[in-house]
């Protein structure tokens, strides 16, 4: 009798059984995906923390991402209140060997949905903030097809604007040698050349104590 009732219940409510089973399967998939995401995020965070503490661990970190190339372009690394890609994180840390390795493994040098975290501009900002003299990360990005004329969204400044404003003449010359557009204008209609000042005049300002930095690096 019980089996008969069960069969009758099934046939009376069969239109709900299919969707219910699909819903259960989706919930199980979502849970497994979330668990996997948390595990992978923990591994990546640990890898970067290890690298930040000691550059001797850079080889280990590089090997981790080489073995997991599918996550290089996925925004899963916590950066303030946002999630960024492991490749963007490598650029923020300016880890040249890791940047090169990720590019070789398919890192996207021109991400379409990461307007505030464009690899080329990240590296330019880090170069300015940390007074880095080695521009090989920029060369690696350019060789991989990075857009040298990409602009900061809030100001429309190119890297050349930034080099001029921050009076980094070595970076300015480097960008010129790589073919950056000197006619590109910012939101005020100014080209990088309009911000450029004579290095000799800057030396006089430094000597007199009048030299000033023109505001923070935009993000």
C-alpha atoms as a PDB file:
ATOM      1  CA  UNK A   1       0.000   0.000   0.000  1.00  0.00           C
ATOM      2  CA  UNK A   2       2.832   2.344   0.932  1.00  0.00           C
ATOM      3  CA  UNK A   3       4.587   1.703  -2.381  1.00  0.00           C
ATOM      4  CA  UNK A   4       1.386   2.419  -4.291  1.00  0.00           C
ATOM      5  CA  UNK A   5       0.952   5.745  -2.482  1.00  0.00           C
ATOM      6  CA  UNK A   6       4.575   6.637  -3.219  1.00  0.00           C
ATOM      7  CA  UNK A   7       4.085   5.910  -6.903  1.00  0.00           C
ATOM      8  CA  UNK A   8       0.848   7.884  -6.996  1.00  0.00           C
ATOM      9  CA  UNK A   9       2.545  10.825  -5.227  1.00  0.00           C
ATOM     10  CA  UNK A  10       5.374  10.769  -7.771  1.00  0.00           C
ATOM     11  CA  UNK A  11       3.039  10.820 -10.769  1.00  0.00           C
ATOM     12  CA  UNK A  12       0.881  13.541  -9.222  1.00  0.00           C
ATOM     13  CA  UNK A  13       3.899  15.767  -8.487  1.00  0.00           C
ATOM     14  CA  UNK A  14       6.367  14.683 -11.167  1.00  0.00           C
ATOM     15  CA  UNK A  15       6.536  18.181 -12.646  1.00  0.00           C
ATOM     16  CA  UNK A  16       8.254  19.363  -9.449  1.00  0.00           C
ATOM     17  CA  UNK A  17      10.677  16.465  -9.088  1.00  0.00           C
ATOM     18  CA  UNK A  18      12.904  17.388 -12.039  1.00  0.00           C
ATOM     19  CA  UNK A  19      13.442  21.039 -11.103  1.00  0.00           C
ATOM     20  CA  UNK A  20      13.987  20.032  -7.472  1.00  0.00           C
ATOM     21  CA  UNK A  21      16.698  17.540  -8.409  1.00  0.00           C
ATOM     22  CA  UNK A  22      18.354  20.118 -10.673  1.00  0.00           C
ATOM     23  CA  UNK A  23      18.275  22.639  -7.829  1.00  0.00           C
ATOM     24  CA  UNK A  24      19.888  20.126  -5.457  1.00  0.00           C
ATOM     25  CA  UNK A  25      22.592  19.350  -8.013  1.00  0.00           C
ATOM     26  CA  UNK A  26      23.281  23.060  -8.504  1.00  0.00           C
ATOM     27  CA  UNK A  27      23.571  23.640  -4.735  1.00  0.00           C
ATOM     28  CA  UNK A  28      26.023  20.749  -4.460  1.00  0.00           C
ATOM     29  CA  UNK A  29      28.075  22.107  -7.377  1.00  0.00           C
ATOM     30  CA  UNK A  30      28.083  25.624  -5.910  1.00  0.00           C
ATOM     31  CA  UNK A  31      29.196  24.330  -2.521  1.00  0.00           C
ATOM     32  CA  UNK A  32      32.018  22.288  -4.038  1.00  0.00           C
ATOM     33  CA  UNK A  33      33.071  25.261  -6.193  1.00  0.00           C
ATOM     34  CA  UNK A  34      33.086  27.596  -3.184  1.00  0.00           C
ATOM     35  CA  UNK A  35      35.134  25.114  -1.170  1.00  0.00           C
ATOM     36  CA  UNK A  36      37.616  24.744  -4.041  1.00  0.00           C
ATOM     37  CA  UNK A  37      37.781  28.538  -4.465  1.00  0.00           C
ATOM     38  CA  UNK A  38      38.546  29.041  -0.766  1.00  0.00           C
ATOM     39  CA  UNK A  39      41.238  26.373  -0.850  1.00  0.00           C
ATOM     40  CA  UNK A  40      42.879  27.825  -3.979  1.00  0.00           C
ATOM     41  CA  UNK A  41      42.648  31.370  -2.600  1.00  0.00           C
ATOM     42  CA  UNK A  42      44.342  30.250   0.609  1.00  0.00           C
ATOM     43  CA  UNK A  43      47.122  28.580  -1.382  1.00  0.00           C
ATOM     44  CA  UNK A  44      47.686  31.665  -3.548  1.00  0.00           C
ATOM     45  CA  UNK A  45      47.642  34.036  -0.572  1.00  0.00           C
ATOM     46  CA  UNK A  46      50.165  31.839   1.205  1.00  0.00           C
ATOM     47  CA  UNK A  47      52.330  31.756  -1.916  1.00  0.00           C
ATOM     48  CA  UNK A  48      52.427  35.545  -2.219  1.00  0.00           C
ATOM     49  CA  UNK A  49      52.968  36.077   1.521  1.00  0.00           C
ATOM     50  CA  UNK A  50      55.875  33.671   1.368  1.00  0.00           C
ATOM     51  CA  UNK A  51      57.331  35.600  -1.559  1.00  0.00           C
ATOM     52  CA  UNK A  52      56.893  38.977   0.179  1.00  0.00           C
ATOM     53  CA  UNK A  53      58.717  37.687   3.249  1.00  0.00           C
ATOM     54  CA  UNK A  54      61.614  36.223   1.331  1.00  0.00           C
ATOM     55  CA  UNK A  55      62.553  36.443  -2.320  1.00  0.00           C
ATOM     56  CA  UNK A  56      64.255  33.079  -1.876  1.00  0.00           C
ATOM     57  CA  UNK A  57      60.739  31.645  -2.072  1.00  0.00           C
ATOM     58  CA  UNK A  58      60.122  33.250  -5.458  1.00  0.00           C
ATOM     59  CA  UNK A  59      61.000  30.044  -7.295  1.00  0.00           C
ATOM     60  CA  UNK A  60      58.454  28.100  -5.225  1.00  0.00           C
ATOM     61  CA  UNK A  61      55.749  30.684  -5.893  1.00  0.00           C
ATOM     62  CA  UNK A  62      56.555  30.739  -9.608  1.00  0.00           C
ATOM     63  CA  UNK A  63      56.314  26.951  -9.737  1.00  0.00           C
ATOM     64  CA  UNK A  64      52.922  27.073  -8.002  1.00  0.00           C
ATOM     65  CA  UNK A  65      51.405  29.313 -10.673  1.00  0.00           C
ATOM     66  CA  UNK A  66      53.147  27.466 -13.487  1.00  0.00           C
ATOM     67  CA  UNK A  67      51.382  24.339 -12.253  1.00  0.00           C
ATOM     68  CA  UNK A  68      48.081  26.239 -11.991  1.00  0.00           C
ATOM     69  CA  UNK A  69      47.999  28.485 -15.101  1.00  0.00           C
ATOM     70  CA  UNK A  70      44.205  28.533 -15.226  1.00  0.00           C
ATOM     71  CA  UNK A  71      43.952  30.873 -12.229  1.00  0.00           C
ATOM     72  CA  UNK A  72      46.477  33.495 -13.348  1.00  0.00           C
ATOM     73  CA  UNK A  73      43.781  35.680 -14.951  1.00  0.00           C
ATOM     74  CA  UNK A  74      41.040  35.060 -12.384  1.00  0.00           C
ATOM     75  CA  UNK A  75      40.365  37.875  -9.841  1.00  0.00           C
ATOM     76  CA  UNK A  76      40.716  35.868  -6.622  1.00  0.00           C
ATOM     77  CA  UNK A  77      43.428  37.722  -4.673  1.00  0.00           C
ATOM     78  CA  UNK A  78      42.255  40.161  -2.024  1.00  0.00           C
ATOM     79  CA  UNK A  79      43.543  43.711  -2.631  1.00  0.00           C
ATOM     80  CA  UNK A  80      41.935  46.190  -0.247  1.00  0.00           C
ATOM     81  CA  UNK A  81      38.199  45.890  -0.827  1.00  0.00           C
ATOM     82  CA  UNK A  82      38.632  44.327  -4.257  1.00  0.00           C
ATOM     83  CA  UNK A  83      39.676  41.083  -5.836  1.00  0.00           C
ATOM     84  CA  UNK A  84      42.490  41.181  -8.373  1.00  0.00           C
ATOM     85  CA  UNK A  85      44.192  38.560 -10.489  1.00  0.00           C
ATOM     86  CA  UNK A  86      47.370  36.787  -9.370  1.00  0.00           C
ATOM     87  CA  UNK A  87      49.077  38.467 -12.333  1.00  0.00           C
ATOM     88  CA  UNK A  88      48.046  41.927 -11.104  1.00  0.00           C
ATOM     89  CA  UNK A  89      49.357  41.000  -7.652  1.00  0.00           C
ATOM     90  CA  UNK A  90      52.706  40.005  -9.142  1.00  0.00           C
ATOM     91  CA  UNK A  91      52.837  43.417 -10.836  1.00  0.00           C
ATOM     92  CA  UNK A  92      52.040  45.228  -7.575  1.00  0.00           C
ATOM     93  CA  UNK A  93      54.938  43.376  -5.952  1.00  0.00           C
ATOM     94  CA  UNK A  94      57.074  44.052  -9.050  1.00  0.00           C
ATOM     95  CA  UNK A  95      58.372  40.484  -9.088  1.00  0.00           C
ATOM     96  CA  UNK A  96      59.995  40.456 -12.513  1.00  0.00           C
ATOM     97  CA  UNK A  97      60.739  36.691 -12.749  1.00  0.00           C
ATOM     98  CA  UNK A  98      57.162  35.889 -11.708  1.00  0.00           C
ATOM     99  CA  UNK A  99      55.756  38.450 -14.153  1.00  0.00           C
ATOM    100  CA  UNK A 100      57.754  36.865 -16.975  1.00  0.00           C
ATOM    101  CA  UNK A 101      56.721  33.346 -15.951  1.00  0.00           C
ATOM    102  CA  UNK A 102      53.041  34.282 -15.806  1.00  0.00           C
ATOM    103  CA  UNK A 103      53.233  35.952 -19.216  1.00  0.00           C
ATOM    104  CA  UNK A 104      54.736  32.748 -20.601  1.00  0.00           C
ATOM    105  CA  UNK A 105      51.820  30.847 -19.046  1.00  0.00           C
ATOM    106  CA  UNK A 106      49.198  33.056 -20.686  1.00  0.00           C
ATOM    107  CA  UNK A 107      48.722  36.069 -18.409  1.00  0.00           C
ATOM    108  CA  UNK A 108      46.431  38.708 -19.938  1.00  0.00           C
ATOM    109  CA  UNK A 109      48.485  41.903 -20.261  1.00  0.00           C
ATOM    110  CA  UNK A 110      45.453  43.919 -21.401  1.00  0.00           C
ATOM    111  CA  UNK A 111      42.592  42.750 -19.140  1.00  0.00           C
ATOM    112  CA  UNK A 112      39.231  44.139 -20.315  1.00  0.00           C
ATOM    113  CA  UNK A 113      37.492  44.277 -16.928  1.00  0.00           C
ATOM    114  CA  UNK A 114      40.303  45.443 -14.662  1.00  0.00           C
ATOM    115  CA  UNK A 115      40.442  49.142 -15.551  1.00  0.00           C
ATOM    116  CA  UNK A 116      41.962  50.086 -12.210  1.00  0.00           C
ATOM    117  CA  UNK A 117      44.430  47.235 -12.220  1.00  0.00           C
ATOM    118  CA  UNK A 118      46.041  47.305 -15.642  1.00  0.00           C
ATOM    119  CA  UNK A 119      49.419  45.515 -15.398  1.00  0.00           C
ATOM    120  CA  UNK A 120      51.410  48.135 -17.325  1.00  0.00           C
ATOM    121  CA  UNK A 121      50.107  51.044 -15.233  1.00  0.00           C
ATOM    122  CA  UNK A 122      50.504  49.062 -12.023  1.00  0.00           C
ATOM    123  CA  UNK A 123      54.189  48.576 -12.792  1.00  0.00           C
ATOM    124  CA  UNK A 124      54.620  52.255 -13.706  1.00  0.00           C
ATOM    125  CA  UNK A 125      53.029  53.307 -10.402  1.00  0.00           C
ATOM    126  CA  UNK A 126      55.245  50.929  -8.423  1.00  0.00           C
ATOM    127  CA  UNK A 127      58.331  52.198 -10.254  1.00  0.00           C
ATOM    128  CA  UNK A 128      57.431  55.745  -9.217  1.00  0.00           C
ATOM    129  CA  UNK A 129      56.497  54.930  -5.625  1.00  0.00           C
ATOM    130  CA  UNK A 130      59.541  52.751  -4.950  1.00  0.00           C
ATOM    131  CA  UNK A 131      61.960  54.702  -7.141  1.00  0.00           C
ATOM    132  CA  UNK A 132      62.797  51.571  -9.132  1.00  0.00           C
ATOM    133  CA  UNK A 133      65.431  51.906 -11.841  1.00  0.00           C
ATOM    134  CA  UNK A 134      64.926  48.532 -13.496  1.00  0.00           C
ATOM    135  CA  UNK A 135      62.286  48.791 -16.231  1.00  0.00           C
ATOM    136  CA  UNK A 136      62.568  45.215 -17.493  1.00  0.00           C
ATOM    137  CA  UNK A 137      59.054  44.379 -16.248  1.00  0.00           C
ATOM    138  CA  UNK A 138      57.712  47.066 -18.582  1.00  0.00           C
ATOM    139  CA  UNK A 139      59.716  45.602 -21.446  1.00  0.00           C
ATOM    140  CA  UNK A 140      58.318  42.149 -20.692  1.00  0.00           C
ATOM    141  CA  UNK A 141      54.773  43.528 -20.767  1.00  0.00           C
ATOM    142  CA  UNK A 142      55.372  45.445 -23.993  1.00  0.00           C
ATOM    143  CA  UNK A 143      56.912  42.409 -25.671  1.00  0.00           C
ATOM    144  CA  UNK A 144      53.759  40.488 -24.736  1.00  0.00           C
ATOM    145  CA  UNK A 145      51.547  43.105 -26.394  1.00  0.00           C
ATOM    146  CA  UNK A 146      50.731  45.465 -23.537  1.00  0.00           C
ATOM    147  CA  UNK A 147      49.301  48.816 -24.679  1.00  0.00           C
ATOM    148  CA  UNK A 148      51.920  51.461 -23.892  1.00  0.00           C
ATOM    149  CA  UNK A 149      49.364  54.247 -24.400  1.00  0.00           C
ATOM    150  CA  UNK A 150      46.852  52.925 -21.859  1.00  0.00           C
ATOM    151  CA  UNK A 151      45.594  55.650 -19.506  1.00  0.00           C
ATOM    152  CA  UNK A 152      44.631  56.036 -15.865  1.00  0.00           C
ATOM    153  CA  UNK A 153      40.811  56.201 -15.811  1.00  0.00           C
ATOM    154  CA  UNK A 154      40.426  59.188 -13.473  1.00  0.00           C
ATOM    155  CA  UNK A 155      42.879  61.524 -15.202  1.00  0.00           C
ATOM    156  CA  UNK A 156      43.508  60.065 -18.659  1.00  0.00           C
ATOM    157  CA  UNK A 157      47.227  60.333 -17.913  1.00  0.00           C
ATOM    158  CA  UNK A 158      49.522  57.990 -19.796  1.00  0.00           C
ATOM    159  CA  UNK A 159      52.695  56.591 -18.279  1.00  0.00           C
ATOM    160  CA  UNK A 160      54.520  59.448 -20.020  1.00  0.00           C
ATOM    161  CA  UNK A 161      52.383  62.008 -18.172  1.00  0.00           C
ATOM    162  CA  UNK A 162      53.286  60.302 -14.908  1.00  0.00           C
ATOM    163  CA  UNK A 163      56.995  60.250 -15.685  1.00  0.00           C
ATOM    164  CA  UNK A 164      56.913  63.971 -16.493  1.00  0.00           C
ATOM    165  CA  UNK A 165      54.856  64.916 -13.431  1.00  0.00           C
ATOM    166  CA  UNK A 166      57.086  62.908 -11.109  1.00  0.00           C
ATOM    167  CA  UNK A 167      60.208  64.167 -12.867  1.00  0.00           C
ATOM    168  CA  UNK A 168      61.468  60.680 -13.599  1.00  0.00           C
ATOM    169  CA  UNK A 169      63.462  61.587 -16.680  1.00  0.00           C
ATOM    170  CA  UNK A 170      64.953  58.109 -16.977  1.00  0.00           C
ATOM    171  CA  UNK A 171      61.463  56.611 -17.215  1.00  0.00           C
ATOM    172  CA  UNK A 172      60.379  59.426 -19.555  1.00  0.00           C
ATOM    173  CA  UNK A 173      63.250  58.658 -21.941  1.00  0.00           C
ATOM    174  CA  UNK A 174      62.573  54.924 -21.694  1.00  0.00           C
ATOM    175  CA  UNK A 175      58.931  55.383 -22.688  1.00  0.00           C
ATOM    176  CA  UNK A 176      59.890  57.638 -25.588  1.00  0.00           C
ATOM    177  CA  UNK A 177      62.335  55.006 -26.811  1.00  0.00           C
ATOM    178  CA  UNK A 178      59.523  52.443 -26.766  1.00  0.00           C
ATOM    179  CA  UNK A 179      57.257  54.587 -28.947  1.00  0.00           C
ATOM    180  CA  UNK A 180      54.704  56.044 -26.532  1.00  0.00           C
ATOM    181  CA  UNK A 181      52.340  58.653 -28.012  1.00  0.00           C
ATOM    182  CA  UNK A 182      53.668  62.126 -27.143  1.00  0.00           C
ATOM    183  CA  UNK A 183      50.469  63.777 -28.386  1.00  0.00           C
ATOM    184  CA  UNK A 184      48.128  61.952 -26.000  1.00  0.00           C
ATOM    185  CA  UNK A 185      46.216  64.483 -23.881  1.00  0.00           C
ATOM    186  CA  UNK A 186      44.743  64.131 -20.403  1.00  0.00           C
ATOM    187  CA  UNK A 187      41.303  65.315 -19.260  1.00  0.00           C
ATOM    188  CA  UNK A 188      42.631  68.887 -19.084  1.00  0.00           C
ATOM    189  CA  UNK A 189      43.849  68.689 -22.667  1.00  0.00           C
ATOM    190  CA  UNK A 190      47.521  68.621 -21.657  1.00  0.00           C
ATOM    191  CA  UNK A 191      50.153  66.414 -23.207  1.00  0.00           C
ATOM    192  CA  UNK A 192      52.996  64.942 -21.180  1.00  0.00           C
ATOM    193  CA  UNK A 193      55.361  67.521 -22.644  1.00  0.00           C
ATOM    194  CA  UNK A 194      53.352  70.291 -20.997  1.00  0.00           C
ATOM    195  CA  UNK A 195      54.229  68.819 -17.594  1.00  0.00           C
ATOM    196  CA  UNK A 196      57.860  68.281 -18.497  1.00  0.00           C
ATOM    197  CA  UNK A 197      60.383  70.595 -16.849  1.00  0.00           C
ATOM    198  CA  UNK A 198      64.062  71.107 -17.531  1.00  0.00           C
ATOM    199  CA  UNK A 199      66.169  68.692 -15.439  1.00  0.00           C
ATOM    200  CA  UNK A 200      68.694  71.463 -14.784  1.00  0.00           C
ATOM    201  CA  UNK A 201      65.945  73.661 -13.352  1.00  0.00           C
ATOM    202  CA  UNK A 202      64.876  70.775 -11.146  1.00  0.00           C
ATOM    203  CA  UNK A 203      68.406  70.452  -9.809  1.00  0.00           C
ATOM    204  CA  UNK A 204      68.321  74.127  -8.878  1.00  0.00           C
ATOM    205  CA  UNK A 205      64.980  73.622  -7.100  1.00  0.00           C
ATOM    206  CA  UNK A 206      66.369  70.671  -5.160  1.00  0.00           C
ATOM    207  CA  UNK A 207      69.417  72.681  -4.160  1.00  0.00           C
ATOM    208  CA  UNK A 208      67.219  75.550  -2.968  1.00  0.00           C
ATOM    209  CA  UNK A 209      64.748  73.227  -1.215  1.00  0.00           C
ATOM    210  CA  UNK A 210      61.813  74.259  -3.441  1.00  0.00           C
ATOM    211  CA  UNK A 211      61.332  70.948  -5.226  1.00  0.00           C
ATOM    212  CA  UNK A 212      57.873  69.398  -4.749  1.00  0.00           C
ATOM    213  CA  UNK A 213      56.193  66.196  -5.787  1.00  0.00           C
ATOM    214  CA  UNK A 214      52.960  66.659  -7.688  1.00  0.00           C
ATOM    215  CA  UNK A 215      50.487  64.574  -5.711  1.00  0.00           C
ATOM    216  CA  UNK A 216      49.927  60.857  -5.231  1.00  0.00           C
ATOM    217  CA  UNK A 217      50.119  58.232  -7.912  1.00  0.00           C
ATOM    218  CA  UNK A 218      46.574  57.675  -9.223  1.00  0.00           C
ATOM    219  CA  UNK A 219      45.040  54.231  -8.994  1.00  0.00           C
END
